[in-house]
């Protein structure tokens, strides 16, 4: 496993752990919502619970997408084209890869 692959695997493991944490958080929000009254219109906590649920779902969706990006990056690393831009074929800068290890576009193509 190359250094880049090791870093990707570490980032992927951290992202998968974040997904698991967010799933638990969303489950807690859903459980909390089910223990309150069903009348959100007159329940002062109703809007808050709905917002918390939407926020937790949004965070979970983003984390799942990040795991997918990192899985794709790992596949590119196995093929030997990790760090090569899918748009122009040029190299992706090291700083960009450090900030966004799952990216498949150089900064110019990402704009």
PDB file of N, CA and C in Angstrom:
ATOM      1  N   UNK A   1       0.856  -1.175   0.000  1.00  0.00           N
ATOM      2  CA  UNK A   1       0.000   0.000   0.000  1.00  0.00           C
ATOM      3  C   UNK A   1       0.899   1.234   0.000  1.00  0.00           C
ATOM      4  N   UNK A   2       0.640   2.166  -0.902  1.00  0.00           N
ATOM      5  CA  UNK A   2       1.454   3.369  -0.992  1.00  0.00           C
ATOM      6  C   UNK A   2       1.095   4.335   0.123  1.00  0.00           C
ATOM      7  N   UNK A   3       1.933   5.352   0.294  1.00  0.00           N
ATOM      8  CA  UNK A   3       1.683   6.367   1.317  1.00  0.00           C
ATOM      9  C   UNK A   3       0.336   7.044   1.088  1.00  0.00           C
ATOM     10  N   UNK A   4       0.043   7.378  -0.192  1.00  0.00           N
ATOM     11  CA  UNK A   4      -1.238   8.000  -0.513  1.00  0.00           C
ATOM     12  C   UNK A   4      -2.404   7.087  -0.193  1.00  0.00           C
ATOM     13  N   UNK A   5      -2.259   5.802  -0.481  1.00  0.00           N
ATOM     14  CA  UNK A   5      -3.322   4.838  -0.186  1.00  0.00           C
ATOM     15  C   UNK A   5      -3.531   4.703   1.312  1.00  0.00           C
ATOM     16  N   UNK A   6      -2.441   4.719   2.070  1.00  0.00           N
ATOM     17  CA  UNK A   6      -2.546   4.624   3.528  1.00  0.00           C
ATOM     18  C   UNK A   6      -3.283   5.830   4.086  1.00  0.00           C
ATOM     19  N   UNK A   7      -2.936   7.021   3.587  1.00  0.00           N
ATOM     20  CA  UNK A   7      -3.617   8.240   4.031  1.00  0.00           C
ATOM     21  C   UNK A   7      -5.091   8.199   3.652  1.00  0.00           C
ATOM     22  N   UNK A   8      -5.394   7.714   2.451  1.00  0.00           N
ATOM     23  CA  UNK A   8      -6.791   7.596   2.023  1.00  0.00           C
ATOM     24  C   UNK A   8      -7.546   6.614   2.907  1.00  0.00           C
ATOM     25  N   UNK A   9      -6.928   5.485   3.208  1.00  0.00           N
ATOM     26  CA  UNK A   9      -7.579   4.486   4.055  1.00  0.00           C
ATOM     27  C   UNK A   9      -7.844   5.052   5.446  1.00  0.00           C
ATOM     28  N   UNK A  10      -6.913   5.829   5.969  1.00  0.00           N
ATOM     29  CA  UNK A  10      -7.100   6.461   7.275  1.00  0.00           C
ATOM     30  C   UNK A  10      -8.243   7.470   7.223  1.00  0.00           C
ATOM     31  N   UNK A  11      -8.273   8.292   6.174  1.00  0.00           N
ATOM     32  CA  UNK A  11      -9.350   9.273   6.014  1.00  0.00           C
ATOM     33  C   UNK A  11     -10.689   8.574   5.845  1.00  0.00           C
ATOM     34  N   UNK A  12     -10.696   7.459   5.111  1.00  0.00           N
ATOM     35  CA  UNK A  12     -11.937   6.713   4.891  1.00  0.00           C
ATOM     36  C   UNK A  12     -12.441   6.114   6.195  1.00  0.00           C
ATOM     37  N   UNK A  13     -11.536   5.575   7.018  1.00  0.00           N
ATOM     38  CA  UNK A  13     -11.927   5.006   8.310  1.00  0.00           C
ATOM     39  C   UNK A  13     -12.512   6.087   9.213  1.00  0.00           C
ATOM     40  N   UNK A  14     -11.909   7.262   9.217  1.00  0.00           N
ATOM     41  CA  UNK A  14     -12.429   8.369  10.027  1.00  0.00           C
ATOM     42  C   UNK A  14     -13.804   8.800   9.524  1.00  0.00           C
ATOM     43  N   UNK A  15     -13.977   8.848   8.197  1.00  0.00           N
ATOM     44  CA  UNK A  15     -15.268   9.234   7.628  1.00  0.00           C
ATOM     45  C   UNK A  15     -16.336   8.194   7.949  1.00  0.00           C
ATOM     46  N   UNK A  16     -15.986   6.913   7.893  1.00  0.00           N
ATOM     47  CA  UNK A  16     -16.946   5.852   8.226  1.00  0.00           C
ATOM     48  C   UNK A  16     -17.339   5.925   9.697  1.00  0.00           C
ATOM     49  N   UNK A  17     -16.386   6.258  10.556  1.00  0.00           N
ATOM     50  CA  UNK A  17     -16.693   6.420  11.980  1.00  0.00           C
ATOM     51  C   UNK A  17     -17.639   7.599  12.188  1.00  0.00           C
ATOM     52  N   UNK A  18     -17.426   8.672  11.428  1.00  0.00           N
ATOM     53  CA  UNK A  18     -18.308   9.844  11.508  1.00  0.00           C
ATOM     54  C   UNK A  18     -19.719   9.465  11.064  1.00  0.00           C
ATOM     55  N   UNK A  19     -19.831   8.667  10.012  1.00  0.00           N
ATOM     56  CA  UNK A  19     -21.146   8.206   9.553  1.00  0.00           C
ATOM     57  C   UNK A  19     -21.842   7.433  10.668  1.00  0.00           C
ATOM     58  N   UNK A  20     -21.133   6.531  11.323  1.00  0.00           N
ATOM     59  CA  UNK A  20     -21.724   5.741  12.413  1.00  0.00           C
ATOM     60  C   UNK A  20     -22.181   6.652  13.548  1.00  0.00           C
ATOM     61  N   UNK A  21     -21.365   7.646  13.898  1.00  0.00           N
ATOM     62  CA  UNK A  21     -21.739   8.593  14.954  1.00  0.00           C
ATOM     63  C   UNK A  21     -22.994   9.367  14.570  1.00  0.00           C
ATOM     64  N   UNK A  22     -23.048   9.826  13.320  1.00  0.00           N
ATOM     65  CA  UNK A  22     -24.200  10.605  12.873  1.00  0.00           C
ATOM     66  C   UNK A  22     -25.457   9.748  12.780  1.00  0.00           C
ATOM     67  N   UNK A  23     -25.316   8.484  12.412  1.00  0.00           N
ATOM     68  CA  UNK A  23     -26.483   7.589  12.399  1.00  0.00           C
ATOM     69  C   UNK A  23     -27.048   7.446  13.815  1.00  0.00           C
ATOM     70  N   UNK A  24     -26.146   7.290  14.795  1.00  0.00           N
ATOM     71  CA  UNK A  24     -26.601   7.197  16.189  1.00  0.00           C
ATOM     72  C   UNK A  24     -27.280   8.496  16.622  1.00  0.00           C
ATOM     73  N   UNK A  25     -26.706   9.629  16.235  1.00  0.00           N
ATOM     74  CA  UNK A  25     -27.294  10.921  16.590  1.00  0.00           C
ATOM     75  C   UNK A  25     -28.685  11.068  15.977  1.00  0.00           C
ATOM     76  N   UNK A  26     -28.821  10.687  14.707  1.00  0.00           N
ATOM     77  CA  UNK A  26     -30.122  10.766  14.050  1.00  0.00           C
ATOM     78  C   UNK A  26     -31.112   9.828  14.726  1.00  0.00           C
ATOM     79  N   UNK A  27     -30.687   8.629  15.074  1.00  0.00           N
ATOM     80  CA  UNK A  27     -31.562   7.695  15.791  1.00  0.00           C
ATOM     81  C   UNK A  27     -32.026   8.293  17.114  1.00  0.00           C
ATOM     82  N   UNK A  28     -31.128   8.988  17.821  1.00  0.00           N
ATOM     83  CA  UNK A  28     -31.493   9.639  19.083  1.00  0.00           C
ATOM     84  C   UNK A  28     -32.522  10.736  18.863  1.00  0.00           C
ATOM     85  N   UNK A  29     -32.344  11.522  17.806  1.00  0.00           N
ATOM     86  CA  UNK A  29     -33.296  12.589  17.500  1.00  0.00           C
ATOM     87  C   UNK A  29     -34.656  11.989  17.165  1.00  0.00           C
ATOM     88  N   UNK A  30     -34.665  10.917  16.382  1.00  0.00           N
ATOM     89  CA  UNK A  30     -35.926  10.263  16.016  1.00  0.00           C
ATOM     90  C   UNK A  30     -36.598   9.685  17.254  1.00  0.00           C
ATOM     91  N   UNK A  31     -35.820   9.058  18.125  1.00  0.00           N
ATOM     92  CA  UNK A  31     -36.379   8.507  19.365  1.00  0.00           C
ATOM     93  C   UNK A  31     -36.946   9.618  20.232  1.00  0.00           C
ATOM     94  N   UNK A  32     -36.264  10.737  20.295  1.00  0.00           N
ATOM     95  CA  UNK A  32     -36.736  11.877  21.078  1.00  0.00           C
ATOM     96  C   UNK A  32     -38.043  12.412  20.502  1.00  0.00           C
ATOM     97  N   UNK A  33     -38.128  12.460  19.179  1.00  0.00           N
ATOM     98  CA  UNK A  33     -39.339  12.953  18.530  1.00  0.00           C
ATOM     99  C   UNK A  33     -40.512  12.025  18.781  1.00  0.00           C
ATOM    100  N   UNK A  34     -40.263  10.729  18.830  1.00  0.00           N
ATOM    101  CA  UNK A  34     -41.364   9.785  19.030  1.00  0.00           C
ATOM    102  C   UNK A  34     -41.866   9.800  20.469  1.00  0.00           C
ATOM    103  N   UNK A  35     -41.060  10.325  21.388  1.00  0.00           N
ATOM    104  CA  UNK A  35     -41.500  10.374  22.783  1.00  0.00           C
ATOM    105  C   UNK A  35     -42.274  11.653  23.098  1.00  0.00           C
ATOM    106  N   UNK A  36     -42.355  12.577  22.129  1.00  0.00           N
ATOM    107  CA  UNK A  36     -43.122  13.801  22.346  1.00  0.00           C
ATOM    108  C   UNK A  36     -44.504  13.629  21.743  1.00  0.00           C
ATOM    109  N   UNK A  37     -45.343  14.623  21.945  1.00  0.00           N
ATOM    110  CA  UNK A  37     -46.695  14.561  21.405  1.00  0.00           C
ATOM    111  C   UNK A  37     -46.650  14.633  19.889  1.00  0.00           C
ATOM    112  N   UNK A  38     -47.663  14.120  19.250  1.00  0.00           N
ATOM    113  CA  UNK A  38     -47.736  14.125  17.797  1.00  0.00           C
ATOM    114  C   UNK A  38     -48.221  15.437  17.230  1.00  0.00           C
ATOM    115  N   UNK A  39     -48.570  16.400  18.067  1.00  0.00           N
ATOM    116  CA  UNK A  39     -49.121  17.672  17.625  1.00  0.00           C
ATOM    117  C   UNK A  39     -48.016  18.722  17.579  1.00  0.00           C
ATOM    118  N   UNK A  40     -47.233  18.731  16.508  1.00  0.00           N
ATOM    119  CA  UNK A  40     -46.132  19.690  16.385  1.00  0.00           C
ATOM    120  C   UNK A  40     -46.617  21.131  16.317  1.00  0.00           C
ATOM    121  N   UNK A  41     -47.814  21.337  15.788  1.00  0.00           N
ATOM    122  CA  UNK A  41     -48.323  22.691  15.619  1.00  0.00           C
ATOM    123  C   UNK A  41     -48.466  23.410  16.954  1.00  0.00           C
ATOM    124  N   UNK A  42     -48.871  22.690  17.984  1.00  0.00           N
ATOM    125  CA  UNK A  42     -49.088  23.312  19.288  1.00  0.00           C
ATOM    126  C   UNK A  42     -48.015  22.947  20.304  1.00  0.00           C
ATOM    127  N   UNK A  43     -47.049  22.190  19.896  1.00  0.00           N
ATOM    128  CA  UNK A  43     -45.967  21.770  20.786  1.00  0.00           C
ATOM    129  C   UNK A  43     -44.792  22.723  20.613  1.00  0.00           C
ATOM    130  N   UNK A  44     -44.405  23.425  21.683  1.00  0.00           N
ATOM    131  CA  UNK A  44     -43.294  24.366  21.546  1.00  0.00           C
ATOM    132  C   UNK A  44     -41.981  23.686  21.155  1.00  0.00           C
ATOM    133  N   UNK A  45     -41.841  22.395  21.393  1.00  0.00           N
ATOM    134  CA  UNK A  45     -40.638  21.661  21.014  1.00  0.00           C
ATOM    135  C   UNK A  45     -40.728  21.100  19.599  1.00  0.00           C
ATOM    136  N   UNK A  46     -41.894  21.144  18.992  1.00  0.00           N
ATOM    137  CA  UNK A  46     -42.104  20.525  17.688  1.00  0.00           C
ATOM    138  C   UNK A  46     -41.179  21.039  16.606  1.00  0.00           C
ATOM    139  N   UNK A  47     -41.072  22.347  16.482  1.00  0.00           N
ATOM    140  CA  UNK A  47     -40.218  22.919  15.441  1.00  0.00           C
ATOM    141  C   UNK A  47     -38.753  22.591  15.697  1.00  0.00           C
ATOM    142  N   UNK A  48     -38.352  22.591  16.938  1.00  0.00           N
ATOM    143  CA  UNK A  48     -36.965  22.291  17.280  1.00  0.00           C
ATOM    144  C   UNK A  48     -36.616  20.858  16.912  1.00  0.00           C
ATOM    145  N   UNK A  49     -37.495  19.926  17.224  1.00  0.00           N
ATOM    146  CA  UNK A  49     -37.244  18.519  16.911  1.00  0.00           C
ATOM    147  C   UNK A  49     -37.158  18.317  15.402  1.00  0.00           C
ATOM    148  N   UNK A  50     -38.065  18.951  14.668  1.00  0.00           N
ATOM    149  CA  UNK A  50     -38.029  18.854  13.208  1.00  0.00           C
ATOM    150  C   UNK A  50     -36.733  19.412  12.640  1.00  0.00           C
ATOM    151  N   UNK A  51     -36.296  20.543  13.175  1.00  0.00           N
ATOM    152  CA  UNK A  51     -35.042  21.145  12.722  1.00  0.00           C
ATOM    153  C   UNK A  51     -33.864  20.241  13.042  1.00  0.00           C
ATOM    154  N   UNK A  52     -33.825  19.707  14.255  1.00  0.00           N
ATOM    155  CA  UNK A  52     -32.728  18.823  14.655  1.00  0.00           C
ATOM    156  C   UNK A  52     -32.664  17.587  13.760  1.00  0.00           C
ATOM    157  N   UNK A  53     -33.828  17.051  13.444  1.00  0.00           N
ATOM    158  CA  UNK A  53     -33.869  15.862  12.585  1.00  0.00           C
ATOM    159  C   UNK A  53     -33.355  16.182  11.185  1.00  0.00           C
ATOM    160  N   UNK A  54     -33.792  17.311  10.627  1.00  0.00           N
ATOM    161  CA  UNK A  54     -33.334  17.708   9.294  1.00  0.00           C
ATOM    162  C   UNK A  54     -31.835  17.989   9.292  1.00  0.00           C
ATOM    163  N   UNK A  55     -31.358  18.630  10.340  1.00  0.00           N
ATOM    164  CA  UNK A  55     -29.932  18.931  10.429  1.00  0.00           C
ATOM    165  C   UNK A  55     -29.109  17.647  10.545  1.00  0.00           C
ATOM    166  N   UNK A  56     -29.542  16.732  11.393  1.00  0.00           N
ATOM    167  CA  UNK A  56     -28.825  15.461  11.560  1.00  0.00           C
ATOM    168  C   UNK A  56     -28.827  14.669  10.255  1.00  0.00           C
ATOM    169  N   UNK A  57     -29.948  14.663   9.542  1.00  0.00           N
ATOM    170  CA  UNK A  57     -30.027  13.943   8.267  1.00  0.00           C
ATOM    171  C   UNK A  57     -29.098  14.564   7.234  1.00  0.00           C
ATOM    172  N   UNK A  58     -29.045  15.890   7.197  1.00  0.00           N
ATOM    173  CA  UNK A  58     -28.162  16.578   6.259  1.00  0.00           C
ATOM    174  C   UNK A  58     -26.694  16.258   6.537  1.00  0.00           C
ATOM    175  N   UNK A  59     -26.308  16.286   7.802  1.00  0.00           N
ATOM    176  CA  UNK A  59     -24.932  15.945   8.172  1.00  0.00           C
ATOM    177  C   UNK A  59     -24.610  14.500   7.799  1.00  0.00           C
ATOM    178  N   UNK A  60     -25.556  13.603   8.038  1.00  0.00           N
ATOM    179  CA  UNK A  60     -25.357  12.197   7.692  1.00  0.00           C
ATOM    180  C   UNK A  60     -25.202  12.028   6.183  1.00  0.00           C
ATOM    181  N   UNK A  61     -26.045  12.684   5.414  1.00  0.00           N
ATOM    182  CA  UNK A  61     -25.965  12.588   3.952  1.00  0.00           C
ATOM    183  C   UNK A  61     -24.600  13.046   3.442  1.00  0.00           C
ATOM    184  N   UNK A  62     -24.101  14.152   3.997  1.00  0.00           N
ATOM    185  CA  UNK A  62     -22.786  14.654   3.581  1.00  0.00           C
ATOM    186  C   UNK A  62     -21.678  13.683   3.965  1.00  0.00           C
ATOM    187  N   UNK A  63     -21.772  13.098   5.143  1.00  0.00           N
ATOM    188  CA  UNK A  63     -20.744  12.148   5.591  1.00  0.00           C
ATOM    189  C   UNK A  63     -20.745  10.890   4.727  1.00  0.00           C
ATOM    190  N   UNK A  64     -21.928  10.410   4.360  1.00  0.00           N
ATOM    191  CA  UNK A  64     -22.028   9.231   3.483  1.00  0.00           C
ATOM    192  C   UNK A  64     -21.424   9.557   2.111  1.00  0.00           C
ATOM    193  N   UNK A  65     -21.693  10.761   1.610  1.00  0.00           N
ATOM    194  CA  UNK A  65     -21.115  11.171   0.325  1.00  0.00           C
ATOM    195  C   UNK A  65     -19.592  11.215   0.413  1.00  0.00           C
ATOM    196  N   UNK A  66     -19.062  11.672   1.538  1.00  0.00           N
ATOM    197  CA  UNK A  66     -17.600  11.730   1.717  1.00  0.00           C
ATOM    198  C   UNK A  66     -16.994  10.327   1.696  1.00  0.00           C
ATOM    199  N   UNK A  67     -17.655   9.376   2.342  1.00  0.00           N
ATOM    200  CA  UNK A  67     -17.163   7.994   2.304  1.00  0.00           C
ATOM    201  C   UNK A  67     -17.139   7.500   0.858  1.00  0.00           C
ATOM    202  N   UNK A  68     -18.170   7.809   0.101  1.00  0.00           N
ATOM    203  CA  UNK A  68     -18.208   7.419  -1.311  1.00  0.00           C
ATOM    204  C   UNK A  68     -17.075   8.037  -2.112  1.00  0.00           C
ATOM    205  N   UNK A  69     -16.789   9.328  -1.861  1.00  0.00           N
ATOM    206  CA  UNK A  69     -15.679   9.992  -2.544  1.00  0.00           C
ATOM    207  C   UNK A  69     -14.352   9.322  -2.204  1.00  0.00           C
ATOM    208  N   UNK A  70     -14.179   8.967  -0.937  1.00  0.00           N
ATOM    209  CA  UNK A  70     -12.930   8.332  -0.514  1.00  0.00           C
ATOM    210  C   UNK A  70     -12.810   6.912  -1.065  1.00  0.00           C
ATOM    211  N   UNK A  71     -13.934   6.200  -1.167  1.00  0.00           N
ATOM    212  CA  UNK A  71     -13.908   4.872  -1.799  1.00  0.00           C
ATOM    213  C   UNK A  71     -13.465   4.985  -3.258  1.00  0.00           C
ATOM    214  N   UNK A  72     -14.000   5.987  -3.960  1.00  0.00           N
ATOM    215  CA  UNK A  72     -13.616   6.197  -5.358  1.00  0.00           C
ATOM    216  C   UNK A  72     -12.140   6.577  -5.457  1.00  0.00           C
ATOM    217  N   UNK A  73     -11.657   7.384  -4.519  1.00  0.00           N
ATOM    218  CA  UNK A  73     -10.242   7.772  -4.518  1.00  0.00           C
ATOM    219  C   UNK A  73      -9.349   6.558  -4.267  1.00  0.00           C
ATOM    220  N   UNK A  74      -9.778   5.676  -3.373  1.00  0.00           N
ATOM    221  CA  UNK A  74      -9.011   4.448  -3.127  1.00  0.00           C
ATOM    222  C   UNK A  74      -8.949   3.587  -4.387  1.00  0.00           C
ATOM    223  N   UNK A  75     -10.059   3.521  -5.119  1.00  0.00           N
ATOM    224  CA  UNK A  75     -10.073   2.763  -6.377  1.00  0.00           C
ATOM    225  C   UNK A  75      -9.119   3.394  -7.389  1.00  0.00           C
ATOM    226  N   UNK A  76      -9.088   4.732  -7.448  1.00  0.00           N
ATOM    227  CA  UNK A  76      -8.152   5.411  -8.354  1.00  0.00           C
ATOM    228  C   UNK A  76      -6.708   5.121  -7.944  1.00  0.00           C
ATOM    229  N   UNK A  77      -6.462   5.089  -6.634  1.00  0.00           N
ATOM    230  CA  UNK A  77      -5.108   4.794  -6.142  1.00  0.00           C
ATOM    231  C   UNK A  77      -4.689   3.383  -6.553  1.00  0.00           C
ATOM    232  N   UNK A  78      -5.615   2.433  -6.477  1.00  0.00           N
ATOM    233  CA  UNK A  78      -5.307   1.055  -6.882  1.00  0.00           C
ATOM    234  C   UNK A  78      -5.003   0.971  -8.379  1.00  0.00           C
ATOM    235  N   UNK A  79      -5.696   1.796  -9.177  1.00  0.00           N
ATOM    236  CA  UNK A  79      -5.451   1.818 -10.627  1.00  0.00           C
ATOM    237  C   UNK A  79      -4.190   2.603 -10.978  1.00  0.00           C
ATOM    238  N   UNK A  80      -3.702   3.387 -10.019  1.00  0.00           N
ATOM    239  CA  UNK A  80      -2.503   4.183 -10.257  1.00  0.00           C
ATOM    240  C   UNK A  80      -2.766   5.565 -10.807  1.00  0.00           C
ATOM    241  N   UNK A  81      -4.027   6.011 -10.793  1.00  0.00           N
ATOM    242  CA  UNK A  81      -4.294   7.354 -11.305  1.00  0.00           C
ATOM    243  C   UNK A  81      -4.816   8.319 -10.241  1.00  0.00           C
ATOM    244  N   UNK A  82      -4.560   8.012  -8.984  1.00  0.00           N
ATOM    245  CA  UNK A  82      -4.905   8.952  -7.912  1.00  0.00           C
ATOM    246  C   UNK A  82      -4.004  10.177  -8.041  1.00  0.00           C
ATOM    247  N   UNK A  83      -4.589  11.355  -7.923  1.00  0.00           N
ATOM    248  CA  UNK A  83      -3.820  12.588  -8.050  1.00  0.00           C
ATOM    249  C   UNK A  83      -3.798  13.129  -9.464  1.00  0.00           C
ATOM    250  N   UNK A  84      -4.468  12.430 -10.380  1.00  0.00           N
ATOM    251  CA  UNK A  84      -4.575  12.871 -11.763  1.00  0.00           C
ATOM    252  C   UNK A  84      -5.993  13.396 -11.958  1.00  0.00           C
ATOM    253  N   UNK A  85      -6.113  14.602 -12.526  1.00  0.00           N
ATOM    254  CA  UNK A  85      -7.410  15.256 -12.696  1.00  0.00           C
ATOM    255  C   UNK A  85      -8.267  14.523 -13.728  1.00  0.00           C
ATOM    256  N   UNK A  86      -9.507  14.237 -13.353  1.00  0.00           N
ATOM    257  CA  UNK A  86     -10.440  13.581 -14.268  1.00  0.00           C
ATOM    258  C   UNK A  86     -10.915  14.536 -15.354  1.00  0.00           C
ATOM    259  N   UNK A  87     -10.758  15.839 -15.125  1.00  0.00           N
ATOM    260  CA  UNK A  87     -11.199  16.818 -16.108  1.00  0.00           C
ATOM    261  C   UNK A  87     -10.185  17.071 -17.205  1.00  0.00           C
ATOM    262  N   UNK A  88      -8.965  17.437 -16.806  1.00  0.00           N
ATOM    263  CA  UNK A  88      -7.950  17.829 -17.792  1.00  0.00           C
ATOM    264  C   UNK A  88      -6.810  16.828 -17.923  1.00  0.00           C
ATOM    265  N   UNK A  89      -6.737  15.863 -17.005  1.00  0.00           N
ATOM    266  CA  UNK A  89      -5.670  14.872 -17.055  1.00  0.00           C
ATOM    267  C   UNK A  89      -4.371  15.315 -16.404  1.00  0.00           C
ATOM    268  N   UNK A  90      -4.321  16.566 -15.957  1.00  0.00           N
ATOM    269  CA  UNK A  90      -3.120  17.077 -15.300  1.00  0.00           C
ATOM    270  C   UNK A  90      -3.063  16.650 -13.840  1.00  0.00           C
ATOM    271  N   UNK A  91      -1.973  16.980 -13.179  1.00  0.00           N
ATOM    272  CA  UNK A  91      -1.841  16.609 -11.768  1.00  0.00           C
ATOM    273  C   UNK A  91      -2.720  17.482 -10.874  1.00  0.00           C
ATOM    274  N   UNK A  92      -3.199  16.894  -9.805  1.00  0.00           N
ATOM    275  CA  UNK A  92      -3.928  17.636  -8.773  1.00  0.00           C
ATOM    276  C   UNK A  92      -2.882  18.043  -7.744  1.00  0.00           C
ATOM    277  N   UNK A  93      -2.873  19.303  -7.367  1.00  0.00           N
ATOM    278  CA  UNK A  93      -1.876  19.811  -6.429  1.00  0.00           C
ATOM    279  C   UNK A  93      -1.903  19.088  -5.090  1.00  0.00           C
ATOM    280  N   UNK A  94      -0.722  18.939  -4.500  1.00  0.00           N
ATOM    281  CA  UNK A  94      -0.591  18.239  -3.217  1.00  0.00           C
ATOM    282  C   UNK A  94      -1.401  18.917  -2.117  1.00  0.00           C
ATOM    283  N   UNK A  95      -1.438  20.258  -2.121  1.00  0.00           N
ATOM    284  CA  UNK A  95      -2.215  20.970  -1.100  1.00  0.00           C
ATOM    285  C   UNK A  95      -3.700  20.663  -1.236  1.00  0.00           C
ATOM    286  N   UNK A  96      -4.176  20.595  -2.466  1.00  0.00           N
ATOM    287  CA  UNK A  96      -5.598  20.280  -2.689  1.00  0.00           C
ATOM    288  C   UNK A  96      -5.898  18.856  -2.237  1.00  0.00           C
ATOM    289  N   UNK A  97      -5.011  17.923  -2.561  1.00  0.00           N
ATOM    290  CA  UNK A  97      -5.220  16.537  -2.136  1.00  0.00           C
ATOM    291  C   UNK A  97      -5.163  16.411  -0.616  1.00  0.00           C
ATOM    292  N   UNK A  98      -4.313  17.199   0.026  1.00  0.00           N
ATOM    293  CA  UNK A  98      -4.243  17.163   1.486  1.00  0.00           C
ATOM    294  C   UNK A  98      -5.534  17.690   2.099  1.00  0.00           C
ATOM    295  N   UNK A  99      -6.102  18.727   1.489  1.00  0.00           N
ATOM    296  CA  UNK A  99      -7.336  19.318   2.009  1.00  0.00           C
ATOM    297  C   UNK A  99      -8.565  18.495   1.646  1.00  0.00           C
ATOM    298  N   UNK A 100      -8.552  17.910   0.454  1.00  0.00           N
ATOM    299  CA  UNK A 100      -9.692  17.135  -0.051  1.00  0.00           C
ATOM    300  C   UNK A 100      -9.190  15.849  -0.676  1.00  0.00           C
ATOM    301  N   UNK A 101      -8.858  14.860   0.143  1.00  0.00           N
ATOM    302  CA  UNK A 101      -8.251  13.637  -0.392  1.00  0.00           C
ATOM    303  C   UNK A 101      -9.144  12.863  -1.359  1.00  0.00           C
ATOM    304  N   UNK A 102     -10.433  13.089  -1.326  1.00  0.00           N
ATOM    305  CA  UNK A 102     -11.332  12.368  -2.216  1.00  0.00           C
ATOM    306  C   UNK A 102     -11.556  13.038  -3.555  1.00  0.00           C
ATOM    307  N   UNK A 103     -10.969  14.210  -3.758  1.00  0.00           N
ATOM    308  CA  UNK A 103     -11.235  14.951  -4.990  1.00  0.00           C
ATOM    309  C   UNK A 103     -10.664  14.252  -6.221  1.00  0.00           C
ATOM    310  N   UNK A 104     -11.339  14.461  -7.346  1.00  0.00           N
ATOM    311  CA  UNK A 104     -10.824  13.921  -8.609  1.00  0.00           C
ATOM    312  C   UNK A 104     -10.603  15.038  -9.626  1.00  0.00           C
ATOM    313  N   UNK A 105     -10.612  16.281  -9.147  1.00  0.00           N
ATOM    314  CA  UNK A 105     -10.441  17.440 -10.027  1.00  0.00           C
ATOM    315  C   UNK A 105      -9.375  18.381  -9.478  1.00  0.00           C
ATOM    316  N   UNK A 106      -8.586  18.942 -10.375  1.00  0.00           N
ATOM    317  CA  UNK A 106      -7.642  19.979  -9.971  1.00  0.00           C
ATOM    318  C   UNK A 106      -8.446  21.244  -9.658  1.00  0.00           C
ATOM    319  N   UNK A 107      -7.805  22.217  -9.068  1.00  0.00           N
ATOM    320  CA  UNK A 107      -8.510  23.431  -8.660  1.00  0.00           C
ATOM    321  C   UNK A 107      -9.102  24.162  -9.859  1.00  0.00           C
ATOM    322  N   UNK A 108      -8.394  24.179 -10.993  1.00  0.00           N
ATOM    323  CA  UNK A 108      -8.907  24.872 -12.177  1.00  0.00           C
ATOM    324  C   UNK A 108     -10.165  24.201 -12.720  1.00  0.00           C
ATOM    325  N   UNK A 109     -10.172  22.884 -12.786  1.00  0.00           N
ATOM    326  CA  UNK A 109     -11.344  22.167 -13.303  1.00  0.00           C
ATOM    327  C   UNK A 109     -12.507  22.178 -12.307  1.00  0.00           C
ATOM    328  N   UNK A 110     -12.204  22.345 -11.032  1.00  0.00           N
ATOM    329  CA  UNK A 110     -13.255  22.368 -10.015  1.00  0.00           C
ATOM    330  C   UNK A 110     -14.026  23.684 -10.017  1.00  0.00           C
ATOM    331  N   UNK A 111     -13.451  24.709 -10.605  1.00  0.00           N
ATOM    332  CA  UNK A 111     -14.107  26.032 -10.608  1.00  0.00           C
ATOM    333  C   UNK A 111     -15.267  26.087 -11.512  1.00  0.00           C
TER     334      UNK A 111
END
